[in-house]
Amino acid sequence: MKPTDEYKASLSNATAFKLEYPEEKATTAARIYNVNENTIRTFLHRERQRDGPAVKRGGQNKILSDIQVEAIYKYVEDSYLSGYGATKAMVYTAVGCLKANQLPAKSPLT
C-alpha cells in the first residue's frame, strides 16, 4: 500500500480527473491513478452533499406550540423533583391532555 500522503495526492488527482471528464467512469480514474474506485465515488458524493443546498427533511408536523413545549418541560422537571421521573407514557399522556384542552379544540393524539 502507498504511503498516506502519496495516496491522498493520487486520490486528489483521480477526483480532479473525474471532475474534468464527467463522462468517464470512476473506474477509469481509479485505474489511471491506482486508487480504489469506491473511494473516488464516496469522495465525490460527499463533495456534492457539502456543496449542495441544505435540504430540510421533516419538521412540518409540529404538534405543540412553544408555550406548550415549555409546559411539558416544566411538567417533566416537576415530576423529576418529586422523585417520580418521567416516562415516555407520562409525557405522551401530558401532551394528549394539552391537545385535548386546546382552544379551539383539536382531537387528542391517537
PDB file of N, CA and C in Angstrom:
ATOM      1  N   MET A   1       0.832  -1.184   0.000  1.00  0.00           N
ATOM      2  CA  MET A   1       0.000   0.000   0.000  1.00  0.00           C
ATOM      3  C   MET A   1       0.872   1.241   0.000  1.00  0.00           C
ATOM      4  N   LYS A   2       0.368   2.280  -0.626  1.00  0.00           N
ATOM      5  CA  LYS A   2       1.129   3.522  -0.732  1.00  0.00           C
ATOM      6  C   LYS A   2       1.137   4.272   0.601  1.00  0.00           C
ATOM      7  N   PRO A   3       2.144   5.099   0.803  1.00  0.00           N
ATOM      8  CA  PRO A   3       2.124   5.970   1.981  1.00  0.00           C
ATOM      9  C   PRO A   3       0.921   6.916   1.909  1.00  0.00           C
ATOM     10  N   THR A   4       0.486   7.380   3.041  1.00  0.00           N
ATOM     11  CA  THR A   4      -0.736   8.171   3.136  1.00  0.00           C
ATOM     12  C   THR A   4      -0.692   9.421   2.267  1.00  0.00           C
ATOM     13  N   ASP A   5       0.389  10.197   2.321  1.00  0.00           N
ATOM     14  CA  ASP A   5       0.471  11.434   1.545  1.00  0.00           C
ATOM     15  C   ASP A   5       0.427  11.150   0.049  1.00  0.00           C
ATOM     16  N   GLU A   6       1.102  10.109  -0.367  1.00  0.00           N
ATOM     17  CA  GLU A   6       1.111   9.752  -1.782  1.00  0.00           C
ATOM     18  C   GLU A   6      -0.287   9.296  -2.226  1.00  0.00           C
ATOM     19  N   TYR A   7      -0.964   8.540  -1.373  1.00  0.00           N
ATOM     20  CA  TYR A   7      -2.317   8.069  -1.702  1.00  0.00           C
ATOM     21  C   TYR A   7      -3.291   9.241  -1.773  1.00  0.00           C
ATOM     22  N   LYS A   8      -3.148  10.190  -0.847  1.00  0.00           N
ATOM     23  CA  LYS A   8      -4.014  11.373  -0.869  1.00  0.00           C
ATOM     24  C   LYS A   8      -3.800  12.187  -2.137  1.00  0.00           C
ATOM     25  N   ALA A   9      -2.545  12.294  -2.568  1.00  0.00           N
ATOM     26  CA  ALA A   9      -2.256  13.016  -3.797  1.00  0.00           C
ATOM     27  C   ALA A   9      -2.854  12.288  -4.994  1.00  0.00           C
ATOM     28  N   SER A  10      -2.745  10.971  -5.024  1.00  0.00           N
ATOM     29  CA  SER A  10      -3.331  10.191  -6.107  1.00  0.00           C
ATOM     30  C   SER A  10      -4.848  10.309  -6.104  1.00  0.00           C
ATOM     31  N   LEU A  11      -5.446  10.275  -4.936  1.00  0.00           N
ATOM     32  CA  LEU A  11      -6.894  10.422  -4.820  1.00  0.00           C
ATOM     33  C   LEU A  11      -7.327  11.801  -5.301  1.00  0.00           C
ATOM     34  N   SER A  12      -6.580  12.807  -4.935  1.00  0.00           N
ATOM     35  CA  SER A  12      -6.879  14.169  -5.388  1.00  0.00           C
ATOM     36  C   SER A  12      -6.793  14.264  -6.904  1.00  0.00           C
ATOM     37  N   ASN A  13      -5.760  13.669  -7.489  1.00  0.00           N
ATOM     38  CA  ASN A  13      -5.616  13.678  -8.948  1.00  0.00           C
ATOM     39  C   ASN A  13      -6.745  12.904  -9.623  1.00  0.00           C
ATOM     40  N   ALA A  14      -7.137  11.779  -9.035  1.00  0.00           N
ATOM     41  CA  ALA A  14      -8.205  10.970  -9.616  1.00  0.00           C
ATOM     42  C   ALA A  14      -9.537  11.710  -9.576  1.00  0.00           C
ATOM     43  N   THR A  15      -9.826  12.373  -8.470  1.00  0.00           N
ATOM     44  CA  THR A  15     -11.084  13.122  -8.387  1.00  0.00           C
ATOM     45  C   THR A  15     -11.058  14.332  -9.310  1.00  0.00           C
ATOM     46  N   ALA A  16      -9.915  14.971  -9.457  1.00  0.00           N
ATOM     47  CA  ALA A  16      -9.800  16.089 -10.403  1.00  0.00           C
ATOM     48  C   ALA A  16     -10.032  15.590 -11.825  1.00  0.00           C
ATOM     49  N   PHE A  17      -9.488  14.421 -12.139  1.00  0.00           N
ATOM     50  CA  PHE A  17      -9.692  13.826 -13.460  1.00  0.00           C
ATOM     51  C   PHE A  17     -11.176  13.555 -13.689  1.00  0.00           C
ATOM     52  N   LYS A  18     -11.825  12.985 -12.692  1.00  0.00           N
ATOM     53  CA  LYS A  18     -13.245  12.649 -12.816  1.00  0.00           C
ATOM     54  C   LYS A  18     -14.094  13.908 -12.972  1.00  0.00           C
ATOM     55  N   LEU A  19     -13.739  14.975 -12.274  1.00  0.00           N
ATOM     56  CA  LEU A  19     -14.483  16.228 -12.399  1.00  0.00           C
ATOM     57  C   LEU A  19     -14.232  16.891 -13.752  1.00  0.00           C
ATOM     58  N   GLU A  20     -13.008  16.744 -14.255  1.00  0.00           N
ATOM     59  CA  GLU A  20     -12.663  17.348 -15.549  1.00  0.00           C
ATOM     60  C   GLU A  20     -13.320  16.591 -16.701  1.00  0.00           C
ATOM     61  N   TYR A  21     -13.439  15.287 -16.563  1.00  0.00           N
ATOM     62  CA  TYR A  21     -14.052  14.439 -17.588  1.00  0.00           C
ATOM     63  C   TYR A  21     -15.249  13.697 -16.986  1.00  0.00           C
ATOM     64  N   PRO A  22     -16.392  14.377 -16.839  1.00  0.00           N
ATOM     65  CA  PRO A  22     -17.534  13.738 -16.169  1.00  0.00           C
ATOM     66  C   PRO A  22     -18.113  12.540 -16.921  1.00  0.00           C
ATOM     67  N   GLU A  23     -17.824  12.440 -18.224  1.00  0.00           N
ATOM     68  CA  GLU A  23     -18.350  11.302 -18.980  1.00  0.00           C
ATOM     69  C   GLU A  23     -17.572  10.016 -18.684  1.00  0.00           C
ATOM     70  N   GLU A  24     -16.373  10.144 -18.145  1.00  0.00           N
ATOM     71  CA  GLU A  24     -15.580   8.967 -17.781  1.00  0.00           C
ATOM     72  C   GLU A  24     -16.100   8.374 -16.475  1.00  0.00           C
ATOM     73  N   LYS A  25     -15.878   7.098 -16.295  1.00  0.00           N
ATOM     74  CA  LYS A  25     -16.326   6.413 -15.082  1.00  0.00           C
ATOM     75  C   LYS A  25     -15.265   6.537 -13.984  1.00  0.00           C
ATOM     76  N   ALA A  26     -15.714   6.350 -12.749  1.00  0.00           N
ATOM     77  CA  ALA A  26     -14.785   6.397 -11.614  1.00  0.00           C
ATOM     78  C   ALA A  26     -13.761   5.271 -11.723  1.00  0.00           C
ATOM     79  N   THR A  27     -14.154   4.171 -12.344  1.00  0.00           N
ATOM     80  CA  THR A  27     -13.230   3.049 -12.523  1.00  0.00           C
ATOM     81  C   THR A  27     -12.029   3.464 -13.360  1.00  0.00           C
ATOM     82  N   THR A  28     -12.269   4.268 -14.395  1.00  0.00           N
ATOM     83  CA  THR A  28     -11.175   4.723 -15.255  1.00  0.00           C
ATOM     84  C   THR A  28     -10.183   5.561 -14.459  1.00  0.00           C
ATOM     85  N   ALA A  29     -10.691   6.510 -13.687  1.00  0.00           N
ATOM     86  CA  ALA A  29      -9.808   7.356 -12.880  1.00  0.00           C
ATOM     87  C   ALA A  29      -9.069   6.518 -11.841  1.00  0.00           C
ATOM     88  N   ALA A  30      -9.745   5.530 -11.282  1.00  0.00           N
ATOM     89  CA  ALA A  30      -9.114   4.684 -10.272  1.00  0.00           C
ATOM     90  C   ALA A  30      -7.972   3.877 -10.863  1.00  0.00           C
ATOM     91  N   ARG A  31      -8.156   3.372 -12.085  1.00  0.00           N
ATOM     92  CA  ARG A  31      -7.091   2.588 -12.725  1.00  0.00           C
ATOM     93  C   ARG A  31      -5.919   3.462 -13.132  1.00  0.00           C
ATOM     94  N   ILE A  32      -6.196   4.667 -13.607  1.00  0.00           N
ATOM     95  CA  ILE A  32      -5.108   5.564 -14.024  1.00  0.00           C
ATOM     96  C   ILE A  32      -4.238   5.940 -12.834  1.00  0.00           C
ATOM     97  N   TYR A  33      -4.882   6.288 -11.724  1.00  0.00           N
ATOM     98  CA  TYR A  33      -4.138   6.793 -10.568  1.00  0.00           C
ATOM     99  C   TYR A  33      -3.940   5.751  -9.468  1.00  0.00           C
ATOM    100  N   ASN A  34      -4.362   4.506  -9.714  1.00  0.00           N
ATOM    101  CA  ASN A  34      -4.134   3.396  -8.801  1.00  0.00           C
ATOM    102  C   ASN A  34      -4.705   3.664  -7.397  1.00  0.00           C
ATOM    103  N   VAL A  35      -5.998   4.025  -7.390  1.00  0.00           N
ATOM    104  CA  VAL A  35      -6.716   4.202  -6.126  1.00  0.00           C
ATOM    105  C   VAL A  35      -8.005   3.385  -6.185  1.00  0.00           C
ATOM    106  N   ASN A  36      -8.665   3.247  -5.071  1.00  0.00           N
ATOM    107  CA  ASN A  36      -9.904   2.489  -5.002  1.00  0.00           C
ATOM    108  C   ASN A  36     -11.037   3.295  -5.633  1.00  0.00           C
ATOM    109  N   GLU A  37     -11.797   2.675  -6.539  1.00  0.00           N
ATOM    110  CA  GLU A  37     -12.864   3.394  -7.233  1.00  0.00           C
ATOM    111  C   GLU A  37     -13.998   3.793  -6.289  1.00  0.00           C
ATOM    112  N   ASN A  38     -14.279   2.978  -5.278  1.00  0.00           N
ATOM    113  CA  ASN A  38     -15.323   3.335  -4.314  1.00  0.00           C
ATOM    114  C   ASN A  38     -14.930   4.562  -3.504  1.00  0.00           C
ATOM    115  N   THR A  39     -13.655   4.726  -3.261  1.00  0.00           N
ATOM    116  CA  THR A  39     -13.183   5.899  -2.539  1.00  0.00           C
ATOM    117  C   THR A  39     -13.437   7.156  -3.358  1.00  0.00           C
ATOM    118  N   ILE A  40     -13.225   7.076  -4.654  1.00  0.00           N
ATOM    119  CA  ILE A  40     -13.483   8.220  -5.529  1.00  0.00           C
ATOM    120  C   ILE A  40     -14.971   8.558  -5.516  1.00  0.00           C
ATOM    121  N   ARG A  41     -15.805   7.538  -5.669  1.00  0.00           N
ATOM    122  CA  ARG A  41     -17.256   7.771  -5.667  1.00  0.00           C
ATOM    123  C   ARG A  41     -17.712   8.391  -4.348  1.00  0.00           C
ATOM    124  N   THR A  42     -17.218   7.862  -3.245  1.00  0.00           N
ATOM    125  CA  THR A  42     -17.596   8.379  -1.932  1.00  0.00           C
ATOM    126  C   THR A  42     -17.146   9.824  -1.770  1.00  0.00           C
ATOM    127  N   PHE A  43     -15.927  10.114  -2.169  1.00  0.00           N
ATOM    128  CA  PHE A  43     -15.385  11.465  -2.055  1.00  0.00           C
ATOM    129  C   PHE A  43     -16.226  12.447  -2.861  1.00  0.00           C
ATOM    130  N   LEU A  44     -16.563  12.084  -4.099  1.00  0.00           N
ATOM    131  CA  LEU A  44     -17.355  12.964  -4.956  1.00  0.00           C
ATOM    132  C   LEU A  44     -18.777  13.124  -4.416  1.00  0.00           C
ATOM    133  N   HIS A  45     -19.341  12.049  -3.881  1.00  0.00           N
ATOM    134  CA  HIS A  45     -20.685  12.121  -3.311  1.00  0.00           C
ATOM    135  C   HIS A  45     -20.712  13.072  -2.115  1.00  0.00           C
ATOM    136  N   ARG A  46     -19.723  12.976  -1.256  1.00  0.00           N
ATOM    137  CA  ARG A  46     -19.657  13.862  -0.087  1.00  0.00           C
ATOM    138  C   ARG A  46     -19.446  15.312  -0.498  1.00  0.00           C
ATOM    139  N   GLU A  47     -18.658  15.530  -1.535  1.00  0.00           N
ATOM    140  CA  GLU A  47     -18.447  16.892  -2.034  1.00  0.00           C
ATOM    141  C   GLU A  47     -19.764  17.483  -2.534  1.00  0.00           C
ATOM    142  N   ARG A  48     -20.545  16.676  -3.272  1.00  0.00           N
ATOM    143  CA  ARG A  48     -21.831  17.154  -3.776  1.00  0.00           C
ATOM    144  C   ARG A  48     -22.777  17.466  -2.626  1.00  0.00           C
ATOM    145  N   GLN A  49     -22.776  16.640  -1.582  1.00  0.00           N
ATOM    146  CA  GLN A  49     -23.649  16.878  -0.437  1.00  0.00           C
ATOM    147  C   GLN A  49     -23.252  18.142   0.305  1.00  0.00           C
ATOM    148  N   ARG A  50     -21.958  18.363   0.450  1.00  0.00           N
ATOM    149  CA  ARG A  50     -21.480  19.520   1.189  1.00  0.00           C
ATOM    150  C   ARG A  50     -21.736  20.805   0.419  1.00  0.00           C
ATOM    151  N   ASP A  51     -21.567  20.768  -0.903  1.00  0.00           N
ATOM    152  CA  ASP A  51     -21.721  21.971  -1.711  1.00  0.00           C
ATOM    153  C   ASP A  51     -23.170  22.277  -2.042  1.00  0.00           C
ATOM    154  N   GLY A  52     -24.014  21.268  -2.019  1.00  0.00           N
ATOM    155  CA  GLY A  52     -25.410  21.451  -2.389  1.00  0.00           C
ATOM    156  C   GLY A  52     -26.180  22.201  -1.312  1.00  0.00           C
ATOM    157  N   PRO A  53     -27.382  22.632  -1.657  1.00  0.00           N
ATOM    158  CA  PRO A  53     -28.196  23.335  -0.662  1.00  0.00           C
ATOM    159  C   PRO A  53     -28.620  22.391   0.455  1.00  0.00           C
ATOM    160  N   ALA A  54     -28.709  22.929   1.636  1.00  0.00           N
ATOM    161  CA  ALA A  54     -29.121  22.121   2.783  1.00  0.00           C
ATOM    162  C   ALA A  54     -30.595  21.779   2.627  1.00  0.00           C
ATOM    163  N   VAL A  55     -30.885  20.495   2.605  1.00  0.00           N
ATOM    164  CA  VAL A  55     -32.253  20.039   2.440  1.00  0.00           C
ATOM    165  C   VAL A  55     -32.816  19.735   3.816  1.00  0.00           C
ATOM    166  N   LYS A  56     -33.908  20.406   4.137  1.00  0.00           N
ATOM    167  CA  LYS A  56     -34.532  20.172   5.425  1.00  0.00           C
ATOM    168  C   LYS A  56     -35.582  19.098   5.252  1.00  0.00           C
ATOM    169  N   ARG A  57     -35.476  18.071   6.042  1.00  0.00           N
ATOM    170  CA  ARG A  57     -36.440  16.978   5.971  1.00  0.00           C
ATOM    171  C   ARG A  57     -37.263  16.971   7.245  1.00  0.00           C
ATOM    172  N   GLY A  58     -38.560  16.919   7.070  1.00  0.00           N
ATOM    173  CA  GLY A  58     -39.445  16.852   8.219  1.00  0.00           C
ATOM    174  C   GLY A  58     -39.603  18.200   8.899  1.00  0.00           C
ATOM    175  N   GLY A  59     -40.190  18.200  10.059  1.00  0.00           N
ATOM    176  CA  GLY A  59     -40.357  19.415  10.829  1.00  0.00           C
ATOM    177  C   GLY A  59     -41.657  20.139  10.552  1.00  0.00           C
ATOM    178  N   GLN A  60     -42.438  19.684   9.581  1.00  0.00           N
ATOM    179  CA  GLN A  60     -43.679  20.366   9.273  1.00  0.00           C
ATOM    180  C   GLN A  60     -44.822  19.869  10.147  1.00  0.00           C
ATOM    181  N   ASN A  61     -44.622  18.809  10.864  1.00  0.00           N
ATOM    182  CA  ASN A  61     -45.700  18.197  11.633  1.00  0.00           C
ATOM    183  C   ASN A  61     -45.589  18.510  13.122  1.00  0.00           C
ATOM    184  N   LYS A  62     -45.345  19.763  13.446  1.00  0.00           N
ATOM    185  CA  LYS A  62     -45.253  20.141  14.850  1.00  0.00           C
ATOM    186  C   LYS A  62     -46.635  20.039  15.482  1.00  0.00           C
ATOM    187  N   ILE A  63     -46.686  19.457  16.662  1.00  0.00           N
ATOM    188  CA  ILE A  63     -47.983  19.276  17.301  1.00  0.00           C
ATOM    189  C   ILE A  63     -48.150  20.184  18.507  1.00  0.00           C
ATOM    190  N   LEU A  64     -47.065  20.776  18.988  1.00  0.00           N
ATOM    191  CA  LEU A  64     -47.148  21.642  20.157  1.00  0.00           C
ATOM    192  C   LEU A  64     -46.605  23.030  19.839  1.00  0.00           C
ATOM    193  N   SER A  65     -47.219  24.031  20.451  1.00  0.00           N
ATOM    194  CA  SER A  65     -46.690  25.385  20.321  1.00  0.00           C
ATOM    195  C   SER A  65     -45.488  25.517  21.263  1.00  0.00           C
ATOM    196  N   ASP A  66     -44.777  26.619  21.151  1.00  0.00           N
ATOM    197  CA  ASP A  66     -43.614  26.824  22.015  1.00  0.00           C
ATOM    198  C   ASP A  66     -44.011  26.887  23.488  1.00  0.00           C
ATOM    199  N   ILE A  67     -45.146  27.484  23.783  1.00  0.00           N
ATOM    200  CA  ILE A  67     -45.620  27.576  25.167  1.00  0.00           C
ATOM    201  C   ILE A  67     -45.964  26.188  25.698  1.00  0.00           C
ATOM    202  N   GLN A  68     -46.571  25.360  24.860  1.00  0.00           N
ATOM    203  CA  GLN A  68     -46.912  24.009  25.286  1.00  0.00           C
ATOM    204  C   GLN A  68     -45.659  23.168  25.522  1.00  0.00           C
ATOM    205  N   VAL A  69     -44.646  23.371  24.698  1.00  0.00           N
ATOM    206  CA  VAL A  69     -43.377  22.663  24.898  1.00  0.00           C
ATOM    207  C   VAL A  69     -42.773  23.053  26.245  1.00  0.00           C
ATOM    208  N   GLU A  70     -42.810  24.346  26.559  1.00  0.00           N
ATOM    209  CA  GLU A  70     -42.294  24.794  27.854  1.00  0.00           C
ATOM    210  C   GLU A  70     -43.083  24.173  29.002  1.00  0.00           C
ATOM    211  N   ALA A  71     -44.406  24.039  28.835  1.00  0.00           N
ATOM    212  CA  ALA A  71     -45.237  23.413  29.865  1.00  0.00           C
ATOM    213  C   ALA A  71     -44.840  21.947  30.068  1.00  0.00           C
ATOM    214  N   ILE A  72     -44.555  21.244  28.982  1.00  0.00           N
ATOM    215  CA  ILE A  72     -44.124  19.843  29.090  1.00  0.00           C
ATOM    216  C   ILE A  72     -42.778  19.757  29.803  1.00  0.00           C
ATOM    217  N   TYR A  73     -41.858  20.665  29.450  1.00  0.00           N
ATOM    218  CA  TYR A  73     -40.560  20.685  30.139  1.00  0.00           C
ATOM    219  C   TYR A  73     -40.755  20.906  31.643  1.00  0.00           C
ATOM    220  N   LYS A  74     -41.635  21.836  31.994  1.00  0.00           N
ATOM    221  CA  LYS A  74     -41.890  22.129  33.401  1.00  0.00           C
ATOM    222  C   LYS A  74     -42.507  20.910  34.088  1.00  0.00           C
ATOM    223  N   TYR A  75     -43.425  20.218  33.397  1.00  0.00           N
ATOM    224  CA  TYR A  75     -44.043  19.002  33.946  1.00  0.00           C
ATOM    225  C   TYR A  75     -42.986  17.928  34.219  1.00  0.00           C
ATOM    226  N   VAL A  76     -42.092  17.724  33.268  1.00  0.00           N
ATOM    227  CA  VAL A  76     -41.034  16.718  33.432  1.00  0.00           C
ATOM    228  C   VAL A  76     -40.118  17.095  34.588  1.00  0.00           C
ATOM    229  N   GLU A  77     -39.774  18.388  34.670  1.00  0.00           N
ATOM    230  CA  GLU A  77     -38.903  18.841  35.750  1.00  0.00           C
ATOM    231  C   GLU A  77     -39.578  18.655  37.113  1.00  0.00           C
ATOM    232  N   ASP A  78     -40.858  19.043  37.215  1.00  0.00           N
ATOM    233  CA  ASP A  78     -41.574  18.879  38.478  1.00  0.00           C
ATOM    234  C   ASP A  78     -41.702  17.410  38.863  1.00  0.00           C
ATOM    235  N   SER A  79     -41.953  16.572  37.875  1.00  0.00           N
ATOM    236  CA  SER A  79     -42.062  15.139  38.136  1.00  0.00           C
ATOM    237  C   SER A  79     -40.734  14.570  38.631  1.00  0.00           C
ATOM    238  N   TYR A  80     -39.641  15.030  38.017  1.00  0.00           N
ATOM    239  CA  TYR A  80     -38.309  14.573  38.437  1.00  0.00           C
ATOM    240  C   TYR A  80     -38.009  15.017  39.861  1.00  0.00           C
ATOM    241  N   LEU A  81     -38.304  16.284  40.166  1.00  0.00           N
ATOM    242  CA  LEU A  81     -38.015  16.802  41.503  1.00  0.00           C
ATOM    243  C   LEU A  81     -38.884  16.149  42.566  1.00  0.00           C
ATOM    244  N   SER A  82     -40.054  15.643  42.180  1.00  0.00           N
ATOM    245  CA  SER A  82     -40.929  14.940  43.117  1.00  0.00           C
ATOM    246  C   SER A  82     -40.468  13.503  43.355  1.00  0.00           C
ATOM    247  N   GLY A  83     -39.518  13.045  42.543  1.00  0.00           N
ATOM    248  CA  GLY A  83     -38.974  11.715  42.730  1.00  0.00           C
ATOM    249  C   GLY A  83     -39.598  10.652  41.846  1.00  0.00           C
ATOM    250  N   TYR A  84     -40.484  11.054  40.924  1.00  0.00           N
ATOM    251  CA  TYR A  84     -41.141  10.084  40.057  1.00  0.00           C
ATOM    252  C   TYR A  84     -40.401   9.864  38.737  1.00  0.00           C
ATOM    253  N   GLY A  85     -39.691  10.845  38.282  1.00  0.00           N
ATOM    254  CA  GLY A  85     -39.117  10.768  36.942  1.00  0.00           C
ATOM    255  C   GLY A  85     -40.218  11.012  35.929  1.00  0.00           C
ATOM    256  N   ALA A  86     -39.932  10.812  34.668  1.00  0.00           N
ATOM    257  CA  ALA A  86     -40.950  10.988  33.635  1.00  0.00           C
ATOM    258  C   ALA A  86     -40.718   9.937  32.568  1.00  0.00           C
ATOM    259  N   THR A  87     -41.677   9.047  32.424  1.00  0.00           N
ATOM    260  CA  THR A  87     -41.580   8.016  31.393  1.00  0.00           C
ATOM    261  C   THR A  87     -42.163   8.552  30.090  1.00  0.00           C
ATOM    262  N   LYS A  88     -41.929   7.839  29.019  1.00  0.00           N
ATOM    263  CA  LYS A  88     -42.495   8.237  27.732  1.00  0.00           C
ATOM    264  C   LYS A  88     -44.015   8.265  27.800  1.00  0.00           C
ATOM    265  N   ALA A  89     -44.584   7.285  28.488  1.00  0.00           N
ATOM    266  CA  ALA A  89     -46.041   7.215  28.595  1.00  0.00           C
ATOM    267  C   ALA A  89     -46.591   8.430  29.337  1.00  0.00           C
ATOM    268  N   MET A  90     -45.909   8.861  30.393  1.00  0.00           N
ATOM    269  CA  MET A  90     -46.366  10.027  31.147  1.00  0.00           C
ATOM    270  C   MET A  90     -46.323  11.282  30.283  1.00  0.00           C
ATOM    271  N   VAL A  91     -45.247  11.466  29.545  1.00  0.00           N
ATOM    272  CA  VAL A  91     -45.113  12.642  28.688  1.00  0.00           C
ATOM    273  C   VAL A  91     -46.136  12.582  27.563  1.00  0.00           C
ATOM    274  N   TYR A  92     -46.327  11.425  26.981  1.00  0.00           N
ATOM    275  CA  TYR A  92     -47.303  11.260  25.898  1.00  0.00           C
ATOM    276  C   TYR A  92     -48.708  11.583  26.387  1.00  0.00           C
ATOM    277  N   THR A  93     -49.060  11.146  27.598  1.00  0.00           N
ATOM    278  CA  THR A  93     -50.365  11.445  28.171  1.00  0.00           C
ATOM    279  C   THR A  93     -50.509  12.947  28.430  1.00  0.00           C
ATOM    280  N   ALA A  94     -49.454  13.576  28.911  1.00  0.00           N
ATOM    281  CA  ALA A  94     -49.496  15.020  29.159  1.00  0.00           C
ATOM    282  C   ALA A  94     -49.694  15.791  27.860  1.00  0.00           C
ATOM    283  N   VAL A  95     -49.033  15.367  26.807  1.00  0.00           N
ATOM    284  CA  VAL A  95     -49.208  16.011  25.503  1.00  0.00           C
ATOM    285  C   VAL A  95     -50.640  15.814  25.023  1.00  0.00           C
ATOM    286  N   GLY A  96     -51.179  14.613  25.203  1.00  0.00           N
ATOM    287  CA  GLY A  96     -52.569  14.343  24.815  1.00  0.00           C
ATOM    288  C   GLY A  96     -53.547  15.233  25.569  1.00  0.00           C
ATOM    289  N   CYS A  97     -53.314  15.444  26.871  1.00  0.00           N
ATOM    290  CA  CYS A  97     -54.185  16.320  27.658  1.00  0.00           C
ATOM    291  C   CYS A  97     -54.089  17.766  27.186  1.00  0.00           C
ATOM    292  N   LEU A  98     -52.874  18.217  26.883  1.00  0.00           N
ATOM    293  CA  LEU A  98     -52.713  19.577  26.361  1.00  0.00           C
ATOM    294  C   LEU A  98     -53.467  19.755  25.056  1.00  0.00           C
ATOM    295  N   LYS A  99     -53.366  18.772  24.173  1.00  0.00           N
ATOM    296  CA  LYS A  99     -54.036  18.868  22.874  1.00  0.00           C
ATOM    297  C   LYS A  99     -55.553  18.797  23.027  1.00  0.00           C
ATOM    298  N   ALA A 100     -56.044  17.985  23.979  1.00  0.00           N
ATOM    299  CA  ALA A 100     -57.482  17.843  24.183  1.00  0.00           C
ATOM    300  C   ALA A 100     -58.095  19.123  24.748  1.00  0.00           C
ATOM    301  N   ASN A 101     -57.339  19.842  25.578  1.00  0.00           N
ATOM    302  CA  ASN A 101     -57.846  21.052  26.214  1.00  0.00           C
ATOM    303  C   ASN A 101     -57.517  22.323  25.429  1.00  0.00           C
ATOM    304  N   GLN A 102     -56.973  22.173  24.265  1.00  0.00           N
ATOM    305  CA  GLN A 102     -56.553  23.306  23.444  1.00  0.00           C
ATOM    306  C   GLN A 102     -57.770  24.020  22.865  1.00  0.00           C
ATOM    307  N   LEU A 103     -57.697  25.346  22.792  1.00  0.00           N
ATOM    308  CA  LEU A 103     -58.762  26.137  22.161  1.00  0.00           C
ATOM    309  C   LEU A 103     -58.248  26.678  20.846  1.00  0.00           C
ATOM    310  N   PRO A 104     -58.881  26.546  19.742  1.00  0.00           N
ATOM    311  CA  PRO A 104     -60.060  25.728  19.504  1.00  0.00           C
ATOM    312  C   PRO A 104     -59.713  24.256  19.655  1.00  0.00           C
ATOM    313  N   ALA A 105     -60.711  23.496  20.063  1.00  0.00           N
ATOM    314  CA  ALA A 105     -60.492  22.085  20.395  1.00  0.00           C
ATOM    315  C   ALA A 105     -60.007  21.308  19.189  1.00  0.00           C
ATOM    316  N   LYS A 106     -58.971  20.526  19.400  1.00  0.00           N
ATOM    317  CA  LYS A 106     -58.451  19.626  18.377  1.00  0.00           C
ATOM    318  C   LYS A 106     -58.442  18.222  18.958  1.00  0.00           C
ATOM    319  N   SER A 107     -58.494  17.254  18.095  1.00  0.00           N
ATOM    320  CA  SER A 107     -58.538  15.880  18.589  1.00  0.00           C
ATOM    321  C   SER A 107     -57.218  15.529  19.286  1.00  0.00           C
ATOM    322  N   PRO A 108     -57.300  14.768  20.393  1.00  0.00           N
ATOM    323  CA  PRO A 108     -56.074  14.353  21.078  1.00  0.00           C
ATOM    324  C   PRO A 108     -55.296  13.361  20.228  1.00  0.00           C
ATOM    325  N   LEU A 109     -54.071  13.119  20.606  1.00  0.00           N
ATOM    326  CA  LEU A 109     -53.224  12.179  19.876  1.00  0.00           C
ATOM    327  C   LEU A 109     -53.799  10.775  19.927  1.00  0.00           C
ATOM    328  N   THR A 110     -53.635  10.040  18.858  1.00  0.00           N
ATOM    329  CA  THR A 110     -54.131   8.670  18.828  1.00  0.00           C
ATOM    330  C   THR A 110     -52.976   7.714  18.713  1.00  0.00           C
TER     331      THR A 110
END
